[in-house]
Amino acid sequence: MAQQEDVFKKIVSHCKEYGFVFPSSDIYDGLGAVYDYGQNGVEMKNNIKQYWWQSMVLLHDNIVGIDSSIFMHPTIWKASGHVDAFNDPLIDNRDSKKRYRADVLIEEQMAKYEEKIAKEIAKAQKKFGDSFNEQQFRETNPRVIENQKKFDELHARYADAMNKMDLEALKQIILDEEIVCPISGTRNWTDVRQFNLMFSTEMGASADNSMKIYLRPETAQGIFVNYLNVQKTGRMKIPFGIAQIGKAFRNEIVARQFIFRMREFEQMEMQFFIKPGTELDWFAKWKETRMKWHQNLGFGAENYRFHDHDKLAHYANAATDIEFHMPFGFKEVEGIHSRTNFDLSQHEKFSGKQIKYFDPEINESYTPYVIETSIGVDRMFLSIMCHSYEEEKLENGETRTVLHLPAAIAPVKLAIFPLTKKDGLPEKAMEIMNDLKFHFNCKYEEKDQIGKRYRRQDAIGTPFCVTVDHQTLEDNTVTLRYRDSMEQKRVAIADLRGIIEDQVTITSLLKKLQ
């Protein structure tokens, strides 16, 4: 695990050094759990958003997009349950004065039991090789059985305490499991208490008539309160979906792990409106569709898993997460929830307005049910970074740092280098640049020797580099270098666009989904 943490530290510093992610307000020593995306980060983030948006809106003729405001009428958050129920259970360690989420401490303890089991299995696998039977080993090895029993008992207690939101029971689990504060190493814990995660502010010209409003903690409610506007103006028939990408804000007390948990973050959410009674079929369909979207990036199916919720939110009748294997364990990148008709019914009740859907096929009005898919842009960004980063040992004994980013997600698609700064080579390189820059993001570089320029582009994940040399002036061919294999081949300038565009556009990713 320590080795994985070292890798994660390297990724964080790589993100800063190469213009992907900076701590916010850096010259003022930063602001806790808030980050800014640099020149390469913003390009990559836009590509992720583009991939998601187009997979939703271009590939489904019954899904449209909106962009709702961050400020909303405060009663919306009363109706949605956020004012009363959007809480985290927190616990303080009296010695370190540090605050933790009680549920996270317990989940980390459960992960430790899983790790112990995984270690035993890995050891046995090495020992027995091809003849190893994992199922049999799990059922017969005393250490695995013991850790599995501890995990199951803890899991049952934890699920029960979370579903009842029994704060005393959560504290008791922490004491019984002898969970210590990672900083002080002591078990001197306070009681667990609830903390609301919404940021509030005032709207209005004077103190007397100002109204308390909230920064939205999710983008979903903006879709729900607009669902009828969209349905009527777009003449949408159920089933249909509304997609949205936007900022959300949560006053996370325990924000950590770089951009994994932040106070200001971006969500990509799609709410799919359906006929009551069909929700579990649609839930299964969207699980499959979303998993396919993730795996389409080519990071290997073994790095993803579904994790069903132990505690269902007050509005859900089914919920699962898609988890990705980060350096700090399997962590949620996307949630898929069957939200029933909770949100729309609540908004109908609190607003006093009729927002039922009239179904012409059965000649009857009803409140639609909803399947939600909700993904964090920043978590998605982090999962791609973690999987792509490699310190590769080369045959000549050197090491190169390379980001094996999917070509369509990479910030720069093509770097163009003149071999030297004279003999008309820079002019020829700029001519190629000026032709190709309308089709994908290109970067021109002439500083340093060619090997160093290649290394810089490897470090930001640029899939292709082109070198213009003296032969180019004679026969209009260039050296095209591939990032992952470092293979170089001579190609005609006229063929460049066809070779590269085919692999670097979002369209190339979308075609694989069909």
Protein backbone atom coordinates (compact mmCIF):
# COMPACT_ATOMS: atom_id res chain seq x y z
CA MET A 1 0.00 0.00 0.00
CA ALA A 2 2.87 2.39 0.83
CA GLN A 3 4.21 1.96 -2.69
CA GLN A 4 0.79 2.89 -4.11
CA GLU A 5 0.73 6.02 -1.92
CA ASP A 6 4.14 7.02 -3.34
CA VAL A 7 2.75 6.66 -6.86
CA PHE A 8 -0.19 8.84 -5.89
CA LYS A 9 2.14 11.55 -4.52
CA LYS A 10 4.06 11.45 -7.81
CA ILE A 11 0.83 11.89 -9.78
CA VAL A 12 -0.14 14.93 -7.65
CA SER A 13 3.24 16.60 -8.23
CA HIS A 14 3.20 15.63 -11.94
CA CYS A 15 -0.19 17.35 -12.29
CA LYS A 16 1.30 20.58 -10.93
CA GLU A 17 4.61 20.42 -12.77
CA TYR A 18 3.01 19.86 -16.18
CA GLY A 19 0.11 22.33 -16.00
CA PHE A 20 -2.75 19.92 -15.26
CA VAL A 21 -3.90 20.87 -11.73
CA PHE A 22 -2.72 23.63 -9.37
CA PRO A 23 -3.71 24.22 -5.74
CA SER A 24 -6.19 27.11 -5.81
CA SER A 25 -4.88 30.53 -4.62
CA ASP A 26 -1.41 29.01 -4.74
CA ILE A 27 0.51 32.26 -4.11
CA TYR A 28 -1.56 32.67 -0.92
CA ASP A 29 -0.60 29.14 0.21
CA GLY A 30 -3.76 27.58 -1.21
CA LEU A 31 -7.33 27.08 -0.02
CA GLY A 32 -8.28 23.72 1.50
CA ALA A 33 -9.68 21.19 -0.96
CA VAL A 34 -10.08 23.66 -3.82
CA TYR A 35 -8.07 23.25 -7.04
CA ASP A 36 -7.58 25.03 -10.35
CA TYR A 37 -7.10 23.27 -13.70
CA GLY A 38 -4.05 24.44 -15.66
CA GLN A 39 -3.56 24.77 -19.42
CA ASN A 40 -3.30 21.01 -20.03
CA GLY A 41 -5.81 20.07 -17.33
CA VAL A 42 -8.57 22.24 -18.79
CA GLU A 43 -8.12 20.71 -22.27
CA MET A 44 -8.26 17.19 -20.84
CA LYS A 45 -11.26 18.05 -18.66
CA ASN A 46 -13.10 19.52 -21.67
CA ASN A 47 -12.41 16.32 -23.62
CA ILE A 48 -13.87 14.19 -20.79
CA LYS A 49 -16.98 16.41 -20.70
CA GLN A 50 -17.26 16.25 -24.48
CA TYR A 51 -17.02 12.44 -24.46
CA TRP A 52 -19.79 12.23 -21.84
CA TRP A 53 -22.04 14.90 -23.38
CA GLN A 54 -21.88 13.50 -26.89
CA SER A 55 -22.37 9.91 -25.71
CA MET A 56 -25.58 11.09 -24.01
CA VAL A 57 -26.99 13.68 -26.41
CA LEU A 58 -25.69 12.59 -29.85
CA LEU A 59 -26.10 8.85 -29.37
CA HIS A 60 -29.61 8.97 -27.80
CA ASP A 61 -32.35 10.73 -29.72
CA ASN A 62 -34.46 10.94 -26.55
CA ILE A 63 -31.89 12.76 -24.37
CA VAL A 64 -31.41 16.54 -24.43
CA GLY A 65 -29.27 18.89 -22.36
CA ILE A 66 -29.84 21.95 -20.17
CA ASP A 67 -27.71 24.32 -18.11
CA SER A 68 -29.49 25.43 -14.93
CA SER A 69 -28.31 28.11 -12.52
CA ILE A 70 -26.24 27.52 -9.39
CA PHE A 71 -28.53 29.72 -7.24
CA MET A 72 -32.02 28.30 -6.81
CA HIS A 73 -35.09 29.11 -4.75
CA PRO A 74 -34.35 27.98 -1.15
CA THR A 75 -37.60 25.97 -0.93
CA ILE A 76 -36.19 23.62 -3.59
CA TRP A 77 -33.64 22.37 -1.03
CA LYS A 78 -36.37 21.97 1.58
CA ALA A 79 -38.41 19.89 -0.88
CA SER A 80 -35.44 17.75 -1.94
CA GLY A 81 -34.61 16.89 1.68
CA HIS A 82 -31.19 18.58 1.62
CA VAL A 83 -31.99 21.10 4.37
CA ASP A 84 -32.97 18.34 6.79
CA ALA A 85 -31.09 15.27 5.61
CA PHE A 86 -27.91 16.27 3.76
CA ASN A 87 -25.56 15.41 6.60
CA ASP A 88 -22.30 13.58 7.24
CA PRO A 89 -21.59 11.78 10.54
CA LEU A 90 -18.44 13.41 11.97
CA ILE A 91 -16.13 12.40 14.83
CA ASP A 92 -13.13 14.26 16.32
CA ASN A 93 -9.96 12.87 17.83
CA ARG A 94 -9.29 14.84 21.03
CA ASP A 95 -5.51 14.40 20.85
CA SER A 96 -4.82 15.38 17.23
CA LYS A 97 -7.80 17.81 17.10
CA LYS A 98 -8.54 16.32 13.67
CA ARG A 99 -12.04 15.67 12.37
CA TYR A 100 -13.06 12.57 10.42
CA ARG A 101 -16.14 11.11 8.78
CA ALA A 102 -17.21 8.17 10.95
CA ASP A 103 -18.51 6.23 7.94
CA VAL A 104 -15.20 6.65 6.07
CA LEU A 105 -13.17 5.41 9.08
CA ILE A 106 -15.32 2.27 9.23
CA GLU A 107 -15.21 1.70 5.45
CA GLU A 108 -11.40 1.95 5.57
CA GLN A 109 -11.36 -0.67 8.32
CA MET A 110 -13.49 -2.98 6.12
CA ALA A 111 -11.03 -2.40 3.25
CA LYS A 112 -8.18 -3.54 5.55
CA TYR A 113 -9.87 -6.93 6.02
CA GLU A 114 -10.33 -7.17 2.22
CA GLU A 115 -6.65 -6.33 1.73
CA LYS A 116 -5.56 -9.06 4.16
CA ILE A 117 -7.64 -11.60 2.23
CA ALA A 118 -6.25 -10.37 -1.12
CA LYS A 119 -2.67 -10.72 0.21
CA GLU A 120 -3.27 -14.33 1.29
CA ILE A 121 -4.77 -15.14 -2.11
CA ALA A 122 -1.87 -13.49 -3.99
CA LYS A 123 0.66 -15.42 -1.87
CA ALA A 124 -1.09 -18.75 -2.53
CA GLN A 125 -1.46 -17.97 -6.22
CA LYS A 126 2.30 -17.45 -6.48
CA LYS A 127 2.96 -20.67 -4.60
CA PHE A 128 0.54 -22.99 -6.45
CA GLY A 129 0.62 -21.36 -9.91
CA ASP A 130 -1.83 -22.75 -12.51
CA SER A 131 -3.24 -25.39 -10.17
CA PHE A 132 -4.53 -22.70 -7.77
CA ASN A 133 -8.26 -22.85 -7.02
CA GLU A 134 -9.27 -19.49 -5.53
CA GLN A 135 -12.81 -20.53 -4.59
CA GLN A 136 -11.55 -23.60 -2.69
CA PHE A 137 -8.80 -21.55 -1.01
CA ARG A 138 -11.35 -18.94 0.19
CA GLU A 139 -13.49 -21.70 1.70
CA THR A 140 -10.67 -23.62 3.42
CA ASN A 141 -7.83 -21.28 4.42
CA PRO A 142 -8.24 -20.46 8.15
CA ARG A 143 -6.78 -16.93 7.88
CA VAL A 144 -9.05 -16.06 4.95
CA ILE A 145 -12.09 -17.51 6.73
CA GLU A 146 -11.28 -15.53 9.89
CA ASN A 147 -10.85 -12.21 8.02
CA GLN A 148 -13.95 -12.85 5.93
CA LYS A 149 -15.95 -13.45 9.13
CA LYS A 150 -14.63 -10.18 10.64
CA PHE A 151 -15.50 -8.34 7.43
CA ASP A 152 -19.04 -9.79 7.24
CA GLU A 153 -19.81 -9.04 10.89
CA LEU A 154 -18.50 -5.48 10.61
CA HIS A 155 -20.36 -4.96 7.34
CA ALA A 156 -23.66 -6.09 8.87
CA ARG A 157 -23.24 -3.81 11.92
CA TYR A 158 -22.19 -0.86 9.76
CA ALA A 159 -25.09 -1.23 7.28
CA ASP A 160 -27.55 -1.44 10.19
CA ALA A 161 -26.13 1.66 11.93
CA MET A 162 -26.09 3.70 8.69
CA ASN A 163 -29.65 2.76 7.73
CA LYS A 164 -30.92 3.81 11.18
CA MET A 165 -28.42 6.72 11.24
CA ASP A 166 -27.62 5.51 14.76
CA LEU A 167 -24.71 7.78 15.74
CA GLU A 168 -24.02 5.96 19.02
CA ALA A 169 -23.78 2.64 17.17
CA LEU A 170 -21.27 4.17 14.70
CA LYS A 171 -19.08 5.35 17.60
CA GLN A 172 -19.34 1.93 19.26
CA ILE A 173 -18.13 0.24 16.04
CA ILE A 174 -15.11 2.60 15.95
CA LEU A 175 -14.30 1.72 19.59
CA ASP A 176 -14.89 -2.04 19.17
CA GLU A 177 -12.75 -2.20 16.02
CA GLU A 178 -10.04 -0.27 17.89
CA ILE A 179 -9.77 2.25 15.03
CA VAL A 180 -7.08 4.83 15.79
CA CYS A 181 -6.58 8.37 14.52
CA PRO A 182 -3.99 8.18 11.69
CA ILE A 183 -2.21 11.25 13.09
CA SER A 184 -2.17 10.83 16.89
CA GLY A 185 -2.43 7.04 16.87
CA THR A 186 -4.91 7.24 19.80
CA ARG A 187 -8.50 6.12 20.30
CA ASN A 188 -9.57 9.24 22.21
CA TRP A 189 -12.74 9.93 20.21
CA THR A 190 -15.61 12.39 20.75
CA ASP A 191 -19.23 11.41 20.09
CA VAL A 192 -20.40 11.24 16.47
CA ARG A 193 -22.60 14.12 15.33
CA GLN A 194 -24.30 15.30 12.16
CA PHE A 195 -23.03 18.18 10.02
CA ASN A 196 -24.94 19.75 7.08
CA LEU A 197 -22.83 20.02 3.94
CA MET A 198 -24.54 22.92 2.15
CA PHE A 199 -22.89 26.33 1.77
CA SER A 200 -25.34 29.15 2.45
CA THR A 201 -25.27 32.83 1.51
CA GLU A 202 -27.61 35.86 1.47
CA MET A 203 -29.41 37.23 -1.57
CA GLY A 204 -30.95 40.70 -1.52
CA ALA A 205 -30.02 44.38 -1.41
CA SER A 206 -30.40 44.98 2.32
CA ALA A 207 -30.14 42.98 5.52
CA ASP A 208 -33.87 43.42 6.19
CA ASN A 209 -35.21 41.85 3.05
CA SER A 210 -32.40 39.43 2.22
CA MET A 211 -33.18 35.76 1.74
CA LYS A 212 -30.98 32.84 2.82
CA ILE A 213 -30.05 30.77 -0.24
CA TYR A 214 -27.72 27.87 -0.86
CA LEU A 215 -25.01 27.00 -3.35
CA ARG A 216 -26.36 23.85 -5.00
CA PRO A 217 -24.85 20.62 -3.59
CA GLU A 218 -25.86 18.70 -6.76
CA THR A 219 -27.03 19.58 -10.27
CA ALA A 220 -29.98 17.14 -10.29
CA GLN A 221 -32.58 19.49 -8.77
CA GLY A 222 -32.06 21.98 -11.61
CA ILE A 223 -33.18 19.19 -13.96
CA PHE A 224 -36.20 18.22 -11.86
CA VAL A 225 -37.61 21.73 -11.56
CA ASN A 226 -37.20 22.18 -15.34
CA TYR A 227 -38.42 18.76 -16.42
CA LEU A 228 -41.87 19.99 -17.50
CA ASN A 229 -40.44 23.03 -19.31
CA VAL A 230 -38.19 20.72 -21.33
CA GLN A 231 -40.88 18.10 -21.88
CA LYS A 232 -43.39 20.63 -23.24
CA THR A 233 -41.05 22.80 -25.33
CA GLY A 234 -39.18 19.77 -26.70
CA ARG A 235 -42.40 17.72 -27.14
CA MET A 236 -40.62 14.87 -25.37
CA LYS A 237 -42.32 11.52 -24.93
CA ILE A 238 -41.53 9.25 -21.98
CA PRO A 239 -38.99 7.64 -21.72
CA PHE A 240 -36.68 10.64 -22.14
CA GLY A 241 -33.62 12.06 -20.43
CA ILE A 242 -32.17 15.46 -19.51
CA ALA A 243 -28.40 15.83 -19.22
CA GLN A 244 -26.44 18.57 -17.48
CA ILE A 245 -22.82 19.39 -16.67
CA GLY A 246 -22.19 21.91 -13.92
CA LYS A 247 -20.53 22.98 -10.69
CA ALA A 248 -21.73 21.80 -7.31
CA PHE A 249 -20.55 22.76 -3.82
CA ARG A 250 -20.26 20.79 -0.59
CA ASN A 251 -18.70 21.95 2.64
CA GLU A 252 -16.71 18.72 2.99
CA ILE A 253 -15.04 18.62 6.38
CA VAL A 254 -12.86 15.71 5.44
CA ALA A 255 -11.81 16.73 1.96
CA ARG A 256 -8.71 14.86 0.85
CA GLN A 257 -6.99 12.68 -1.71
CA PHE A 258 -6.27 15.58 -4.02
CA ILE A 259 -9.18 16.20 -6.44
CA PHE A 260 -11.07 13.08 -5.30
CA ARG A 261 -13.13 14.96 -2.71
CA MET A 262 -13.36 18.72 -3.13
CA ARG A 263 -15.53 21.56 -1.89
CA GLU A 264 -16.16 22.90 -5.39
CA PHE A 265 -16.45 20.22 -8.05
CA GLU A 266 -18.14 19.46 -11.35
CA GLN A 267 -20.82 16.88 -12.04
CA MET A 268 -22.16 15.28 -15.22
CA GLU A 269 -25.69 14.11 -14.47
CA MET A 270 -28.45 12.64 -16.58
CA GLN A 271 -31.96 12.12 -15.21
CA PHE A 272 -34.01 9.64 -17.24
CA PHE A 273 -37.81 9.97 -16.88
CA ILE A 274 -39.78 6.75 -17.17
CA LYS A 275 -43.14 5.12 -16.55
CA PRO A 276 -43.63 3.89 -12.95
CA GLY A 277 -43.09 0.14 -12.71
CA THR A 278 -40.41 0.04 -15.43
CA GLU A 279 -37.67 1.45 -13.20
CA LEU A 280 -35.77 -1.75 -12.38
CA ASP A 281 -35.47 -2.69 -16.07
CA TRP A 282 -34.17 0.78 -16.90
CA PHE A 283 -31.86 0.70 -13.87
CA ALA A 284 -30.26 -2.50 -15.23
CA LYS A 285 -29.99 -1.01 -18.75
CA TRP A 286 -28.30 2.17 -17.53
CA LYS A 287 -25.88 0.19 -15.36
CA GLU A 288 -24.77 -1.72 -18.45
CA THR A 289 -24.62 1.40 -20.68
CA ARG A 290 -22.55 3.39 -18.21
CA MET A 291 -20.11 0.57 -17.48
CA LYS A 292 -19.56 0.17 -21.22
CA TRP A 293 -18.81 3.92 -21.49
CA HIS A 294 -16.09 3.65 -18.83
CA GLN A 295 -14.55 0.46 -20.18
CA ASN A 296 -14.50 1.94 -23.71
CA LEU A 297 -11.45 3.98 -22.62
CA GLY A 298 -9.45 0.75 -22.60
CA PHE A 299 -8.29 0.62 -18.97
CA GLY A 300 -9.25 -3.06 -18.52
CA ALA A 301 -12.47 -4.47 -17.08
CA GLU A 302 -10.63 -5.69 -13.95
CA ASN A 303 -10.20 -2.06 -12.81
CA TYR A 304 -13.97 -1.50 -12.51
CA ARG A 305 -16.65 -2.99 -10.32
CA PHE A 306 -20.23 -2.31 -9.22
CA HIS A 307 -20.75 -1.63 -5.54
CA ASP A 308 -24.36 -1.74 -4.33
CA HIS A 309 -25.22 0.74 -1.59
CA ASP A 310 -25.57 -0.46 2.01
CA LYS A 311 -27.63 2.60 2.86
CA LEU A 312 -30.16 3.74 0.30
CA ALA A 313 -30.80 7.48 0.12
CA HIS A 314 -34.24 8.58 1.30
CA TYR A 315 -35.43 8.82 -2.33
CA ALA A 316 -34.01 5.60 -3.85
CA ASN A 317 -35.29 2.03 -4.32
CA ALA A 318 -32.05 0.81 -5.97
CA ALA A 319 -28.56 2.29 -6.06
CA THR A 320 -25.12 1.21 -7.20
CA ASP A 321 -21.74 2.83 -7.75
CA ILE A 322 -19.25 2.18 -10.51
CA GLU A 323 -15.93 2.03 -8.67
CA PHE A 324 -12.50 2.40 -10.27
CA HIS A 325 -9.26 0.96 -8.92
CA MET A 326 -7.38 4.06 -7.71
CA PRO A 327 -3.95 3.90 -6.00
CA PHE A 328 -5.87 4.19 -2.70
CA GLY A 329 -8.31 1.34 -3.41
CA PHE A 330 -11.56 0.90 -5.35
CA LYS A 331 -13.40 4.24 -5.20
CA GLU A 332 -16.67 5.57 -6.61
CA VAL A 333 -16.52 7.52 -9.88
CA GLU A 334 -20.20 7.26 -10.85
CA GLY A 335 -23.51 6.61 -9.10
CA ILE A 336 -26.58 5.07 -10.75
CA HIS A 337 -29.78 5.47 -8.75
CA SER A 338 -33.42 4.62 -9.12
CA ARG A 339 -34.85 7.79 -7.52
CA THR A 340 -38.54 6.70 -7.85
CA ASN A 341 -40.91 9.71 -8.14
CA PHE A 342 -39.60 11.25 -4.91
CA ASP A 343 -38.17 14.49 -6.29
CA LEU A 344 -41.00 15.37 -8.66
CA SER A 345 -43.68 14.55 -6.05
CA GLN A 346 -41.89 16.72 -3.48
CA HIS A 347 -41.59 19.68 -5.87
CA GLU A 348 -45.26 19.31 -6.77
CA LYS A 349 -46.16 19.37 -3.07
CA PHE A 350 -43.89 22.30 -2.08
CA SER A 351 -44.56 24.47 -5.15
CA GLY A 352 -48.28 23.80 -5.35
CA LYS A 353 -47.95 23.43 -9.15
CA GLN A 354 -49.12 20.47 -11.24
CA ILE A 355 -46.05 18.85 -12.82
CA LYS A 356 -47.51 15.50 -13.86
CA TYR A 357 -46.82 14.03 -17.31
CA PHE A 358 -49.78 13.34 -19.58
CA ASP A 359 -49.18 10.04 -21.36
CA PRO A 360 -51.12 10.07 -24.67
CA GLU A 361 -50.65 6.32 -25.13
CA ILE A 362 -52.66 5.39 -22.04
CA ASN A 363 -54.60 8.68 -21.88
CA GLU A 364 -53.64 9.28 -18.27
CA SER A 365 -51.43 11.61 -16.16
CA TYR A 366 -48.78 10.40 -13.73
CA THR A 367 -45.62 11.50 -11.94
CA PRO A 368 -42.71 9.87 -13.80
CA TYR A 369 -40.08 7.75 -12.05
CA VAL A 370 -36.44 8.65 -12.57
CA ILE A 371 -33.17 6.77 -13.16
CA GLU A 372 -30.17 8.96 -12.41
CA THR A 373 -26.63 8.58 -13.67
CA SER A 374 -24.26 10.94 -11.87
CA ILE A 375 -20.52 11.18 -12.45
CA GLY A 376 -17.88 13.48 -11.00
CA VAL A 377 -15.75 15.12 -13.72
CA ASP A 378 -12.85 15.57 -11.29
CA ARG A 379 -12.94 11.95 -10.12
CA MET A 380 -13.09 10.81 -13.73
CA PHE A 381 -10.08 13.04 -14.47
CA LEU A 382 -8.20 11.53 -11.50
CA SER A 383 -9.00 7.94 -12.47
CA ILE A 384 -7.67 8.55 -16.01
CA MET A 385 -4.52 10.21 -14.62
CA CYS A 386 -3.89 7.38 -12.16
CA HIS A 387 -4.27 4.71 -14.81
CA SER A 388 -2.22 6.51 -17.48
CA TYR A 389 0.82 7.52 -15.43
CA GLU A 390 3.91 5.33 -15.92
CA GLU A 391 7.60 5.61 -15.15
CA GLU A 392 8.85 3.35 -17.93
CA LYS A 393 12.28 1.74 -17.87
CA LEU A 394 13.79 1.87 -21.36
CA GLU A 395 16.23 -0.61 -22.92
CA ASN A 396 19.09 1.92 -22.70
CA GLY A 397 18.66 2.06 -18.90
CA GLU A 398 16.94 5.46 -18.88
CA THR A 399 13.48 6.09 -17.42
CA ARG A 400 10.80 8.12 -19.14
CA THR A 401 7.66 9.47 -17.48
CA VAL A 402 4.75 8.96 -19.83
CA LEU A 403 0.99 9.48 -19.62
CA HIS A 404 -0.72 6.76 -21.69
CA LEU A 405 -3.87 8.89 -22.05
CA PRO A 406 -6.56 7.68 -24.46
CA ALA A 407 -5.75 9.75 -27.58
CA ALA A 408 -9.20 11.38 -27.67
CA ILE A 409 -8.82 12.56 -24.05
CA ALA A 410 -5.20 13.83 -24.35
CA PRO A 411 -4.88 17.65 -24.09
CA VAL A 412 -2.53 17.97 -27.10
CA LYS A 413 -2.97 15.60 -30.04
CA LEU A 414 0.08 16.47 -32.12
CA ALA A 415 3.39 18.20 -31.39
CA ILE A 416 5.30 19.58 -34.37
CA PHE A 417 9.09 20.04 -34.17
CA PRO A 418 11.56 21.51 -36.66
CA LEU A 419 14.81 19.54 -36.29
CA THR A 420 16.81 22.80 -36.19
CA LYS A 421 15.93 26.50 -35.99
CA LYS A 422 17.38 27.27 -39.46
CA ASP A 423 17.31 26.35 -43.16
CA GLY A 424 13.58 27.05 -43.48
CA LEU A 425 12.59 24.12 -41.20
CA PRO A 426 10.65 26.28 -38.66
CA GLU A 427 8.67 27.84 -41.54
CA LYS A 428 7.80 24.41 -42.95
CA ALA A 429 6.78 23.16 -39.47
CA MET A 430 4.53 26.22 -38.96
CA GLU A 431 2.93 25.59 -42.36
CA ILE A 432 1.93 22.07 -41.18
CA MET A 433 0.77 23.49 -37.83
CA ASN A 434 -1.40 26.15 -39.52
CA ASP A 435 -3.06 23.52 -41.69
CA LEU A 436 -3.79 20.98 -38.92
CA LYS A 437 -4.71 23.28 -36.00
CA PHE A 438 -8.29 23.60 -37.27
CA HIS A 439 -8.84 19.85 -36.86
CA PHE A 440 -7.26 19.05 -33.47
CA ASN A 441 -5.11 20.65 -30.79
CA CYS A 442 -1.50 21.03 -32.04
CA LYS A 443 1.59 22.41 -30.32
CA TYR A 444 4.72 23.82 -31.98
CA GLU A 445 8.10 23.51 -30.20
CA GLU A 446 11.62 24.33 -31.34
CA LYS A 447 13.53 24.67 -28.02
CA ASP A 448 16.02 21.95 -26.85
CA GLN A 449 17.29 18.86 -28.61
CA ILE A 450 14.68 16.58 -30.14
CA GLY A 451 14.93 13.86 -27.41
CA LYS A 452 14.06 16.36 -24.67
CA ARG A 453 11.10 17.65 -26.67
CA TYR A 454 9.81 14.06 -27.05
CA ARG A 455 10.10 13.55 -23.26
CA ARG A 456 8.11 16.71 -22.52
CA GLN A 457 5.30 15.59 -24.82
CA ASP A 458 5.35 12.05 -23.30
CA ALA A 459 4.87 13.65 -19.88
CA ILE A 460 1.68 15.45 -20.97
CA GLY A 461 0.40 12.42 -22.89
CA THR A 462 0.63 13.76 -26.48
CA PRO A 463 -0.08 10.71 -28.70
CA PHE A 464 1.78 11.91 -31.83
CA CYS A 465 4.90 13.97 -32.60
CA VAL A 466 6.07 15.08 -36.03
CA THR A 467 9.66 16.10 -36.86
CA VAL A 468 10.41 18.27 -39.87
CA ASP A 469 13.96 17.74 -41.21
CA HIS A 470 15.96 18.52 -44.33
CA GLN A 471 14.45 15.58 -46.21
CA THR A 472 11.01 17.17 -45.68
CA LEU A 473 12.01 20.09 -47.89
CA GLU A 474 12.88 17.64 -50.68
CA ASP A 475 10.01 15.14 -50.63
CA ASN A 476 7.29 16.55 -48.30
CA THR A 477 7.57 13.64 -45.81
CA VAL A 478 8.06 13.91 -42.03
CA THR A 479 8.95 11.54 -39.18
CA LEU A 480 5.81 10.56 -37.26
CA ARG A 481 6.48 9.24 -33.73
CA TYR A 482 3.98 7.22 -31.69
CA ARG A 483 3.95 7.95 -27.93
CA ASP A 484 3.32 4.47 -26.50
CA SER A 485 5.62 2.39 -28.69
CA MET A 486 8.09 5.24 -29.51
CA GLU A 487 8.01 3.80 -33.05
CA GLN A 488 8.94 6.28 -35.79
CA LYS A 489 7.96 6.15 -39.42
CA ARG A 490 8.20 8.32 -42.49
CA VAL A 491 4.84 9.61 -43.76
CA ALA A 492 3.71 12.16 -46.34
CA ILE A 493 2.54 15.52 -44.97
CA ALA A 494 -0.64 15.08 -47.02
CA ASP A 495 -1.49 11.87 -45.07
CA LEU A 496 -0.98 13.32 -41.56
CA ARG A 497 -4.50 14.53 -40.97
CA GLY A 498 -6.07 11.20 -42.00
CA ILE A 499 -3.74 9.12 -39.83
CA ILE A 500 -4.10 11.29 -36.72
CA GLU A 501 -7.70 12.51 -36.87
CA ASP A 502 -8.94 8.96 -37.10
CA GLN A 503 -7.59 8.26 -33.61
CA VAL A 504 -7.79 11.53 -31.67
CA THR A 505 -11.35 12.77 -32.10
CA ILE A 506 -14.20 12.14 -29.66
CA THR A 507 -16.00 10.61 -32.66
CA SER A 508 -13.41 7.79 -32.72
CA LEU A 509 -14.39 6.94 -29.11
CA LEU A 510 -18.14 7.22 -29.77
CA LYS A 511 -17.97 4.85 -32.75
CA LYS A 512 -16.58 2.14 -30.48
CA LEU A 513 -19.65 2.50 -28.24
CA GLN A 514 -22.14 1.76 -31.01
